C-alpha cells in the first residue's frame, strides 16, 4: 500500500472525492512531513493552524475540480492576506499583507490547502535561493547543491515530498531552473495566461506564475486552476479549447520540432551531461514520430543588454523604505542602482526594442510546433557557487552562464516546460526544455505528456523521501 505522499496530486484529489481520505487527513500528513523533513530549505513560513482550519472546512461532497482538498504551498513573493510575506528580503521580514493576490485566490477557490510560504531569493531576482530570511533551498538529490531559483523553495518542497505540487513564478526561468535542479516538471505559461492581479508589477511582461509538479498531468491540472483573466487585467491569453488536464491525455500528432544548443544570453560551455540530455531527448522525440531539425539561435546578442536593462529596472521597482535599504543584498542594490540610472525614455525604448527582438524570434520559429533546448548549462551547482556578495557583476555573470536559455522564452512570451529526462551518473537531475508558440500550452502539455509516457520519471525518489 503506497504512502499518501507517493501518490500524485491527482490521485490524492481522487481519494478526496471518493471520501477515502479527507482534506484534513492529507493536510496533517504533509504538515508532519514538512515539520520533520524540511532539511531542504523549502519553507520560509509554515501556517499549520490556518491549513488545518481551511482543510476542516472543506466538504468532499462539494469537491469541484480534480485538486480539491490537495495540499500545496504559495511562493513567498505572492501576497497572502494575514500571512507573513517577506519577498525573500530582510527588509520585509515582518511584512503581513492585508490582501491576497490572484494566484492565492485561485488556489483557494479550487479547494487547495496551502501549508505556508515557500522560500525565494530577494525579490525573486537570482537563479539561486539563498535569502537572508531563511536557510538556503537545496535539491533533495544532493543537499550540498542548489535547488535553483527563484522558485527554489517550491521545487525543494515538491521534490522532497513535503507537498505534492506547488506554485512558482518565472521572469527569466524561475520555474524551469529549480524544476531542472530538483528533477521535476516546471511549466512557464504563455504571457497573459495567469492574472497579475492586483499589483500588475511587471510592465515589461516577462514574469508569470505557473506550476511545479512531479508529473505533467499534475502540472496541467494546476495550470487549469491558475489560468484565466480577472476584471482589470490589461491583457490576457485566449482561453484554451479544453482543459489543460484533458490536453495531457491526447495525442499531440506528428510535430515539427526545432532544436538548438548554442547558449543565448552568454558564451559559456555546456556541460556534457546537459548536452547528452538534450541529444537523447532529440532522439526520443524522433522515435515518437516527430521531425526534429537544427535551427539558428532565434535571439541575437544585441537582445541581451536590452533584457538586462529591463531586468534592472524591474528590480529597482521593488519599493523599499529608505531606512531599510541597508538590509538589501549586494546583488539587489547593484541591480537597483543600474535600474535607477535608466531614464524613463530609455526604459520605454528598451521595452520597444525587446518586443521587436521577440517579434523577430517568433517569426523565425513560427514554422515549428515546438523548440528543444537544454534547461541549464550544468547540473545543479554547489551552494554558494553562483553567489558573490563582494562582486555583484560576477554574481550576475555566473547566473547567466548557468541559465543561458531560459530567459529567451520570457522575452518572446512563449510557454515553456522543463522535463526531468536525465540523471547524471552520480544521481543529479538534468532537465531539458520544450517551448511552444504563444498560447499553445495545450500542444506543449500534450507533447510533454507523450514524452513522459515514453520515458517516465515519477517513480524516482531522492534520498530521504
Protein backbone atom coordinates (compact mmCIF):
# COMPACT_ATOMS: atom_id res chain seq x y z
CA UNK A 1 0.00 0.00 0.00
CA UNK A 2 1.65 3.29 -1.05
CA UNK A 3 2.00 6.17 1.36
CA UNK A 4 -0.12 9.24 0.62
CA UNK A 5 2.92 11.24 -0.49
CA UNK A 6 3.80 8.50 -3.02
CA UNK A 7 0.59 9.32 -4.90
CA UNK A 8 0.31 12.06 -7.49
CA UNK A 9 -1.68 15.17 -6.67
CA UNK A 10 -4.46 13.97 -8.97
CA UNK A 11 -4.57 10.59 -7.25
CA UNK A 12 -4.84 12.35 -3.90
CA UNK A 13 -7.68 14.50 -5.22
CA UNK A 14 -9.47 11.38 -6.42
CA UNK A 15 -9.20 9.88 -2.92
CA UNK A 16 -10.81 13.02 -1.51
CA UNK A 17 -13.68 12.89 -3.98
CA UNK A 18 -14.28 9.20 -3.15
CA UNK A 19 -14.15 10.11 0.56
CA UNK A 20 -11.37 7.60 1.14
CA UNK A 21 -9.27 10.33 2.71
CA UNK A 22 -10.29 13.76 3.97
CA UNK A 23 -8.59 17.08 3.16
CA UNK A 24 -7.67 17.32 6.84
CA UNK A 25 -6.00 13.89 6.80
CA UNK A 26 -3.97 14.89 3.76
CA UNK A 27 -3.06 18.19 5.37
CA UNK A 28 -1.95 16.52 8.62
CA UNK A 29 0.15 14.03 6.64
CA UNK A 30 2.03 16.77 4.82
CA UNK A 31 2.34 19.06 7.83
CA UNK A 32 4.05 16.25 9.69
CA UNK A 33 6.45 15.70 6.81
CA UNK A 34 7.15 19.41 6.43
CA UNK A 35 7.91 19.70 10.14
CA UNK A 36 10.11 16.61 10.21
CA UNK A 37 11.81 16.57 6.82
CA UNK A 38 12.40 20.16 5.75
CA UNK A 39 16.16 19.94 5.61
CA UNK A 40 15.98 21.36 2.10
CA UNK A 41 15.05 24.98 2.89
CA UNK A 42 11.59 24.61 1.38
CA UNK A 43 9.57 26.87 3.67
CA UNK A 44 10.01 30.38 4.98
CA UNK A 45 6.78 30.30 6.96
CA UNK A 46 4.61 27.29 7.86
CA UNK A 47 0.96 28.00 8.70
CA UNK A 48 -0.23 24.75 10.30
CA UNK A 49 -3.24 26.15 12.15
CA UNK A 50 -4.53 28.05 9.12
CA UNK A 51 -4.05 24.95 6.98
CA UNK A 52 -5.92 22.75 9.45
CA UNK A 53 -8.76 25.25 9.74
CA UNK A 54 -9.12 25.50 5.99
CA UNK A 55 -8.91 21.74 5.44
CA UNK A 56 -11.51 21.07 8.14
CA UNK A 57 -13.95 23.45 6.41
CA UNK A 58 -13.69 21.70 3.05
CA UNK A 59 -16.56 19.35 2.28
CA UNK A 60 -15.51 16.50 -0.01
CA UNK A 61 -19.11 16.25 -1.16
CA UNK A 62 -18.74 19.72 -2.65
CA UNK A 63 -15.48 18.90 -4.41
CA UNK A 64 -15.27 20.94 -7.58
CA UNK A 65 -12.19 20.08 -9.56
CA UNK A 66 -9.52 17.39 -9.53
CA UNK A 67 -7.26 19.11 -6.95
CA UNK A 68 -9.92 19.85 -4.34
CA UNK A 69 -8.56 19.15 -0.86
CA UNK A 70 -4.97 18.66 -2.04
CA UNK A 71 -2.20 20.40 -0.04
CA UNK A 72 0.09 22.91 -1.73
CA UNK A 73 2.20 25.96 -0.84
CA UNK A 74 2.49 29.55 -2.06
CA UNK A 75 5.71 31.26 -3.06
CA UNK A 76 6.92 33.96 -0.69
CA UNK A 77 6.70 36.54 -3.48
CA UNK A 78 2.90 36.17 -3.64
CA UNK A 79 0.55 38.15 -1.40
CA UNK A 80 -1.33 36.12 1.20
CA UNK A 81 -3.72 38.05 3.41
CA UNK A 82 -2.80 37.72 7.07
CA UNK A 83 0.28 35.59 6.38
CA UNK A 84 3.83 36.91 6.52
CA UNK A 85 5.20 37.61 3.05
CA UNK A 86 8.87 38.61 3.01
CA UNK A 87 9.59 38.72 -0.74
CA UNK A 88 12.81 36.92 0.24
CA UNK A 89 14.14 40.10 1.82
CA UNK A 90 15.20 41.08 5.33
CA UNK A 91 13.73 44.50 4.53
CA UNK A 92 10.27 42.86 4.60
CA UNK A 93 10.93 40.24 7.29
CA UNK A 94 7.82 41.24 9.26
CA UNK A 95 5.51 42.30 6.42
CA UNK A 96 1.97 40.88 6.57
CA UNK A 97 -0.26 41.87 3.64
CA UNK A 98 -3.96 42.55 4.12
CA UNK A 99 -4.93 41.24 0.66
CA UNK A 100 -4.24 38.11 -1.33
CA UNK A 101 -3.21 38.20 -4.97
CA UNK A 102 -4.93 36.43 -7.84
CA UNK A 103 -2.72 33.36 -7.61
CA UNK A 104 -3.57 32.82 -3.94
CA UNK A 105 -7.26 33.45 -4.54
CA UNK A 106 -7.35 30.98 -7.45
CA UNK A 107 -5.72 28.23 -5.39
CA UNK A 108 -8.15 28.81 -2.53
CA UNK A 109 -11.17 28.90 -4.85
CA UNK A 110 -10.19 25.49 -6.25
CA UNK A 111 -10.10 23.98 -2.77
CA UNK A 112 -6.35 23.55 -2.41
CA UNK A 113 -4.87 23.91 1.07
CA UNK A 114 -1.69 25.96 1.49
CA UNK A 115 0.71 24.79 4.19
CA UNK A 116 2.64 28.08 4.10
CA UNK A 117 5.07 30.18 2.12
CA UNK A 118 7.92 28.67 0.11
CA UNK A 119 11.44 30.02 0.06
CA UNK A 120 12.53 32.57 -2.55
CA UNK A 121 15.56 34.84 -3.02
CA UNK A 122 15.28 38.58 -2.59
CA UNK A 123 12.50 39.88 -4.86
CA UNK A 124 12.89 36.73 -6.99
CA UNK A 125 15.89 38.10 -8.83
CA UNK A 126 18.65 35.44 -8.53
CA UNK A 127 18.52 31.96 -10.04
CA UNK A 128 19.60 30.53 -6.67
CA UNK A 129 17.63 30.63 -3.41
CA UNK A 130 19.91 31.81 -0.62
CA UNK A 131 17.98 34.60 1.17
CA UNK A 132 18.70 36.30 4.48
CA UNK A 133 15.26 35.36 5.86
CA UNK A 134 15.56 31.57 5.63
CA UNK A 135 18.06 28.74 5.09
CA UNK A 136 19.18 28.16 1.53
CA UNK A 137 16.98 25.94 -0.62
CA UNK A 138 18.81 22.80 -1.77
CA UNK A 139 17.94 19.95 -4.09
CA UNK A 140 16.93 16.79 -2.22
CA UNK A 141 19.09 14.82 -4.65
CA UNK A 142 22.23 16.33 -3.06
CA UNK A 143 21.77 18.69 -0.13
CA UNK A 144 25.09 20.40 -0.82
CA UNK A 145 23.73 21.74 -4.12
CA UNK A 146 21.28 24.48 -5.03
CA UNK A 147 17.59 23.92 -5.63
CA UNK A 148 17.81 26.75 -8.15
CA UNK A 149 15.67 29.86 -8.09
CA UNK A 150 13.79 31.84 -7.75
CA UNK A 151 11.12 29.20 -7.01
CA UNK A 152 13.72 27.12 -5.21
CA UNK A 153 11.65 26.55 -2.08
CA UNK A 154 8.63 25.43 -4.08
CA UNK A 155 10.70 22.92 -6.06
CA UNK A 156 12.52 21.66 -2.96
CA UNK A 157 9.16 21.13 -1.23
CA UNK A 158 7.72 19.10 -4.11
CA UNK A 159 10.89 17.10 -4.74
CA UNK A 160 11.21 16.18 -1.05
CA UNK A 161 7.56 15.13 -0.82
CA UNK A 162 6.55 17.96 1.52
CA UNK A 163 3.69 18.95 -0.81
CA UNK A 164 2.51 17.14 -3.96
CA UNK A 165 2.70 20.24 -6.14
CA UNK A 166 3.36 23.96 -5.71
CA UNK A 167 3.04 27.28 -7.45
CA UNK A 168 6.09 29.17 -8.64
CA UNK A 169 6.75 32.27 -10.71
CA UNK A 170 9.07 32.84 -13.64
CA UNK A 171 10.51 36.07 -15.05
CA UNK A 172 13.70 34.64 -16.52
CA UNK A 173 13.50 30.92 -15.80
CA UNK A 174 12.49 30.86 -12.15
CA UNK A 175 10.11 27.89 -12.50
CA UNK A 176 12.14 25.88 -15.01
CA UNK A 177 15.54 26.36 -13.33
CA UNK A 178 14.52 24.80 -9.98
CA UNK A 179 12.50 22.14 -11.79
CA UNK A 180 15.69 21.05 -13.54
CA UNK A 181 17.73 21.18 -10.32
CA UNK A 182 15.15 19.15 -8.40
CA UNK A 183 14.07 16.57 -11.00
CA UNK A 184 10.57 17.96 -11.58
CA UNK A 185 8.18 19.29 -14.20
CA UNK A 186 8.17 23.09 -14.31
CA UNK A 187 5.80 24.92 -16.65
CA UNK A 188 6.03 28.61 -17.52
CA UNK A 189 2.72 29.52 -19.20
CA UNK A 190 2.32 31.91 -22.07
CA UNK A 191 2.21 35.64 -21.42
CA UNK A 192 -1.21 36.69 -20.16
CA UNK A 193 -2.39 33.21 -19.24
CA UNK A 194 -2.39 33.94 -15.49
CA UNK A 195 -3.54 37.22 -13.98
CA UNK A 196 -1.12 39.55 -12.20
CA UNK A 197 -3.99 40.87 -10.01
CA UNK A 198 -3.89 43.13 -8.04
CA UNK A 199 -0.35 44.51 -8.28
CA UNK A 200 0.42 44.17 -12.02
CA UNK A 201 4.01 44.81 -11.04
CA UNK A 202 5.72 43.76 -14.27
CA UNK A 203 5.12 46.35 -17.00
CA UNK A 204 7.54 44.52 -19.30
CA UNK A 205 5.62 41.24 -19.46
CA UNK A 206 8.46 38.89 -18.52
CA UNK A 207 7.02 37.27 -15.40
CA UNK A 208 4.16 34.85 -14.82
CA UNK A 209 3.07 32.33 -12.22
CA UNK A 210 2.98 28.64 -13.06
CA UNK A 211 3.04 25.09 -11.67
CA UNK A 212 5.82 22.87 -10.36
CA UNK A 213 4.92 19.19 -10.03
CA UNK A 214 6.17 15.63 -10.32
CA UNK A 215 4.07 14.78 -13.38
CA UNK A 216 2.87 16.61 -16.47
CA UNK A 217 -0.77 15.85 -15.62
CA UNK A 218 -0.42 17.33 -12.13
CA UNK A 219 1.18 20.45 -13.62
CA UNK A 220 -1.60 20.71 -16.20
CA UNK A 221 -4.27 20.42 -13.50
CA UNK A 222 -2.66 23.23 -11.52
CA UNK A 223 -2.44 25.37 -14.65
CA UNK A 224 -6.20 24.90 -15.04
CA UNK A 225 -6.59 26.28 -11.51
CA UNK A 226 -4.31 29.28 -12.05
CA UNK A 227 -5.32 30.23 -15.59
CA UNK A 228 -7.86 32.84 -16.54
CA UNK A 229 -8.25 36.58 -16.60
CA UNK A 230 -9.60 38.84 -13.91
CA UNK A 231 -11.52 42.08 -14.32
CA UNK A 232 -8.92 44.78 -14.70
CA UNK A 233 -6.25 42.70 -16.42
CA UNK A 234 -4.57 44.81 -19.11
CA UNK A 235 -4.25 41.83 -21.46
CA UNK A 236 -4.81 38.08 -21.44
CA UNK A 237 -4.21 34.92 -23.42
CA UNK A 238 -7.10 33.41 -25.39
CA UNK A 239 -8.87 30.64 -23.45
CA UNK A 240 -7.94 27.06 -24.31
CA UNK A 241 -10.26 24.83 -26.30
CA UNK A 242 -10.28 22.26 -23.49
CA UNK A 243 -8.80 21.91 -20.05
CA UNK A 244 -5.03 21.61 -19.90
CA UNK A 245 -5.52 18.38 -17.98
CA UNK A 246 -7.53 16.99 -20.91
CA UNK A 247 -4.70 18.04 -23.23
CA UNK A 248 -2.33 15.86 -21.19
CA UNK A 249 -4.36 12.86 -22.29
CA UNK A 250 -4.43 13.43 -26.02
CA UNK A 251 -2.04 12.59 -28.86
CA UNK A 252 -0.14 15.69 -29.98
CA UNK A 253 0.11 14.38 -33.53
CA UNK A 254 3.25 14.44 -35.63
CA UNK A 255 5.11 17.66 -34.91
CA UNK A 256 7.91 19.67 -36.43
CA UNK A 257 10.41 20.46 -33.68
CA UNK A 258 13.35 22.83 -33.95
CA UNK A 259 16.33 22.45 -31.67
CA UNK A 260 19.44 24.42 -30.77
CA UNK A 261 22.06 24.15 -28.04
CA UNK A 262 24.13 27.29 -28.57
CA UNK A 263 23.70 29.46 -25.45
CA UNK A 264 21.57 32.55 -25.99
CA UNK A 265 22.49 35.17 -23.41
CA UNK A 266 26.20 34.49 -22.90
CA UNK A 267 29.05 32.50 -24.39
CA UNK A 268 29.50 29.60 -21.97
CA UNK A 269 30.45 25.93 -22.22
CA UNK A 270 27.68 23.36 -21.95
CA UNK A 271 28.26 20.50 -19.52
CA UNK A 272 28.46 17.13 -21.34
CA UNK A 273 25.60 15.75 -19.23
CA UNK A 274 23.32 18.60 -20.26
CA UNK A 275 24.30 18.15 -23.91
CA UNK A 276 23.69 14.41 -23.59
CA UNK A 277 20.24 15.03 -22.09
CA UNK A 278 19.35 17.34 -24.99
CA UNK A 279 20.63 14.92 -27.61
CA UNK A 280 18.87 11.95 -26.00
CA UNK A 281 15.65 13.96 -25.90
CA UNK A 282 16.04 14.70 -29.61
CA UNK A 283 16.29 11.00 -30.40
CA UNK A 284 13.34 10.24 -28.14
CA UNK A 285 11.21 12.79 -29.95
CA UNK A 286 12.23 11.31 -33.30
CA UNK A 287 11.30 7.84 -32.04
CA UNK A 288 7.84 9.19 -31.22
CA UNK A 289 7.41 10.18 -34.86
CA UNK A 290 8.31 13.86 -34.69
CA UNK A 291 10.55 15.66 -37.16
CA UNK A 292 13.49 17.24 -35.31
CA UNK A 293 15.83 19.67 -37.05
CA UNK A 294 18.52 22.15 -36.06
CA UNK A 295 17.59 25.84 -36.12
CA UNK A 296 19.62 29.03 -35.58
CA UNK A 297 19.50 30.79 -32.23
CA UNK A 298 16.38 32.99 -32.56
CA UNK A 299 17.59 35.95 -30.48
CA UNK A 300 20.72 37.95 -31.42
CA UNK A 301 23.40 39.01 -28.92
CA UNK A 302 22.08 42.58 -29.18
CA UNK A 303 18.93 41.48 -27.31
CA UNK A 304 20.89 40.65 -24.15
CA UNK A 305 21.70 44.20 -22.92
CA UNK A 306 18.11 45.19 -23.68
CA UNK A 307 16.81 42.38 -21.47
CA UNK A 308 19.30 43.32 -18.76
CA UNK A 309 18.14 46.93 -18.81
CA UNK A 310 14.55 45.83 -18.31
CA UNK A 311 15.57 43.36 -15.59
CA UNK A 312 17.47 46.06 -13.68
CA UNK A 313 14.53 48.47 -13.85
CA UNK A 314 12.14 45.78 -12.61
CA UNK A 315 14.46 45.20 -9.64
CA UNK A 316 14.50 48.92 -8.93
CA UNK A 317 10.70 48.91 -8.87
CA UNK A 318 10.77 46.90 -5.63
CA UNK A 319 10.00 49.81 -3.33
CA UNK A 320 11.91 49.57 -0.07
CA UNK A 321 11.62 52.12 2.76
CA UNK A 322 14.81 54.23 2.82
CA UNK A 323 15.55 53.24 6.40
CA UNK A 324 15.65 49.58 5.35
CA UNK A 325 17.69 49.82 2.16
CA UNK A 326 20.81 48.82 4.09
CA UNK A 327 19.22 45.40 4.62
CA UNK A 328 19.17 44.65 0.89
CA UNK A 329 21.56 42.11 -0.56
CA UNK A 330 24.54 43.43 -2.57
CA UNK A 331 23.14 41.98 -5.81
CA UNK A 332 19.79 43.72 -5.28
CA UNK A 333 21.46 47.05 -4.52
CA UNK A 334 23.69 46.75 -7.58
CA UNK A 335 20.79 45.91 -9.91
CA UNK A 336 18.60 48.62 -8.37
CA UNK A 337 21.31 51.23 -8.86
CA UNK A 338 21.56 50.21 -12.50
CA UNK A 339 17.80 50.38 -12.88
CA UNK A 340 17.53 53.81 -11.29
CA UNK A 341 20.16 55.11 -13.71
CA UNK A 342 17.85 54.30 -16.65
CA UNK A 343 15.69 57.25 -17.68
CA UNK A 344 12.01 56.91 -18.48
CA UNK A 345 12.56 57.33 -22.24
CA UNK A 346 15.44 54.84 -22.14
CA UNK A 347 13.21 52.30 -20.41
CA UNK A 348 10.47 52.82 -22.96
CA UNK A 349 12.92 52.37 -25.81
CA UNK A 350 14.25 49.17 -24.19
CA UNK A 351 10.74 47.72 -23.93
CA UNK A 352 10.11 48.55 -27.58
CA UNK A 353 13.41 47.03 -28.66
CA UNK A 354 12.73 43.87 -26.68
CA UNK A 355 9.34 43.49 -28.31
CA UNK A 356 10.91 43.84 -31.74
CA UNK A 357 13.51 41.20 -30.90
CA UNK A 358 10.68 38.98 -29.65
CA UNK A 359 8.70 39.50 -32.85
CA UNK A 360 11.70 38.53 -34.98
CA UNK A 361 12.25 35.39 -32.90
CA UNK A 362 8.58 34.43 -33.07
CA UNK A 363 8.61 34.89 -36.83
CA UNK A 364 11.72 32.73 -37.20
CA UNK A 365 10.23 29.98 -35.03
CA UNK A 366 6.69 30.13 -36.43
CA UNK A 367 7.18 27.08 -38.72
CA UNK A 368 7.93 24.89 -35.70
CA UNK A 369 5.40 23.38 -33.30
CA UNK A 370 7.98 23.21 -30.51
CA UNK A 371 11.59 24.12 -29.78
CA UNK A 372 14.02 21.96 -27.80
CA UNK A 373 16.99 23.23 -25.78
CA UNK A 374 18.72 22.19 -22.57
CA UNK A 375 17.21 23.81 -19.48
CA UNK A 376 20.55 24.63 -17.81
CA UNK A 377 24.19 24.64 -18.86
CA UNK A 378 25.26 22.44 -15.93
CA UNK A 379 23.67 20.11 -13.39
CA UNK A 380 22.78 21.77 -10.06
CA UNK A 381 25.84 23.58 -8.71
CA UNK A 382 27.16 23.67 -5.15
CA UNK A 383 25.59 26.13 -2.74
CA UNK A 384 27.31 29.48 -2.99
CA UNK A 385 28.92 28.70 -6.33
CA UNK A 386 26.96 31.43 -8.13
CA UNK A 387 26.57 33.96 -5.34
CA UNK A 388 29.26 36.61 -4.98
CA UNK A 389 28.35 39.34 -2.50
CA UNK A 390 31.72 41.02 -2.98
CA UNK A 391 31.26 41.33 -6.74
CA UNK A 392 27.60 41.51 -7.87
CA UNK A 393 28.65 41.79 -11.52
CA UNK A 394 30.46 38.44 -11.22
CA UNK A 395 27.38 37.03 -9.47
CA UNK A 396 25.13 38.16 -12.32
CA UNK A 397 27.53 36.80 -14.95
CA UNK A 398 27.67 33.42 -13.20
CA UNK A 399 23.87 33.27 -13.19
CA UNK A 400 23.79 33.97 -16.93
CA UNK A 401 26.30 31.18 -17.56
CA UNK A 402 24.16 28.75 -15.53
CA UNK A 403 20.89 29.69 -17.30
CA UNK A 404 21.72 30.73 -20.88
CA UNK A 405 18.42 29.63 -22.48
CA UNK A 406 15.53 30.09 -20.07
CA UNK A 407 15.00 33.87 -20.34
CA UNK A 408 14.60 33.69 -24.13
CA UNK A 409 11.06 32.39 -23.70
CA UNK A 410 10.23 35.13 -21.19
CA UNK A 411 11.24 37.65 -23.85
CA UNK A 412 9.06 36.01 -26.52
CA UNK A 413 6.21 35.19 -24.12
CA UNK A 414 6.14 31.59 -25.35
CA UNK A 415 5.09 28.81 -22.96
CA UNK A 416 7.98 26.55 -21.95
CA UNK A 417 8.35 23.44 -19.84
CA UNK A 418 11.34 21.72 -18.22
CA UNK A 419 11.15 17.93 -18.08
CA UNK A 420 13.37 15.71 -15.86
CA UNK A 421 14.58 13.37 -18.57
CA UNK A 422 18.16 12.74 -17.44
CA UNK A 423 20.21 11.99 -14.34
CA UNK A 424 23.98 12.17 -14.12
CA UNK A 425 26.00 9.07 -13.11
CA UNK A 426 26.20 10.47 -9.57
CA UNK A 427 22.44 10.96 -9.36
CA UNK A 428 21.88 14.64 -10.14
CA UNK A 429 18.79 15.58 -12.18
CA UNK A 430 19.16 17.33 -15.53
CA UNK A 431 16.19 18.91 -17.28
CA UNK A 432 15.50 19.53 -20.94
CA UNK A 433 13.24 22.32 -22.13
CA UNK A 434 10.48 22.47 -24.71
CA UNK A 435 8.81 25.69 -25.79
CA UNK A 436 5.76 26.21 -28.00
CA UNK A 437 4.12 29.05 -29.90
CA UNK A 438 2.35 31.69 -27.80
CA UNK A 439 -0.92 30.46 -26.25
CA UNK A 440 -0.27 26.87 -27.35
CA UNK A 441 0.10 25.32 -23.90
CA UNK A 442 -2.37 22.60 -24.90
CA UNK A 443 0.01 21.32 -27.56
CA UNK A 444 3.00 21.71 -25.25
CA UNK A 445 1.28 19.77 -22.47
CA UNK A 446 0.21 17.02 -24.89
CA UNK A 447 3.77 16.68 -26.18
CA UNK A 448 5.28 16.70 -22.69
CA UNK A 449 2.83 14.03 -21.52
CA UNK A 450 3.70 11.88 -24.53
CA UNK A 451 7.40 12.21 -23.66
CA UNK A 452 6.68 11.31 -20.03
CA UNK A 453 4.79 8.17 -21.09
CA UNK A 454 7.72 7.11 -23.28
CA UNK A 455 10.38 7.84 -20.64
CA UNK A 456 8.65 8.02 -17.23
CA UNK A 457 10.35 9.63 -14.25
CA UNK A 458 7.75 9.96 -11.49
CA UNK A 459 8.88 6.84 -9.62
CA UNK A 460 12.36 8.26 -9.00
CA UNK A 461 12.77 9.24 -5.35
CA UNK A 462 15.53 11.37 -3.80
CA UNK A 463 17.32 10.37 -0.61
CA UNK A 464 15.18 10.96 2.46
CA UNK A 465 11.87 10.56 0.65
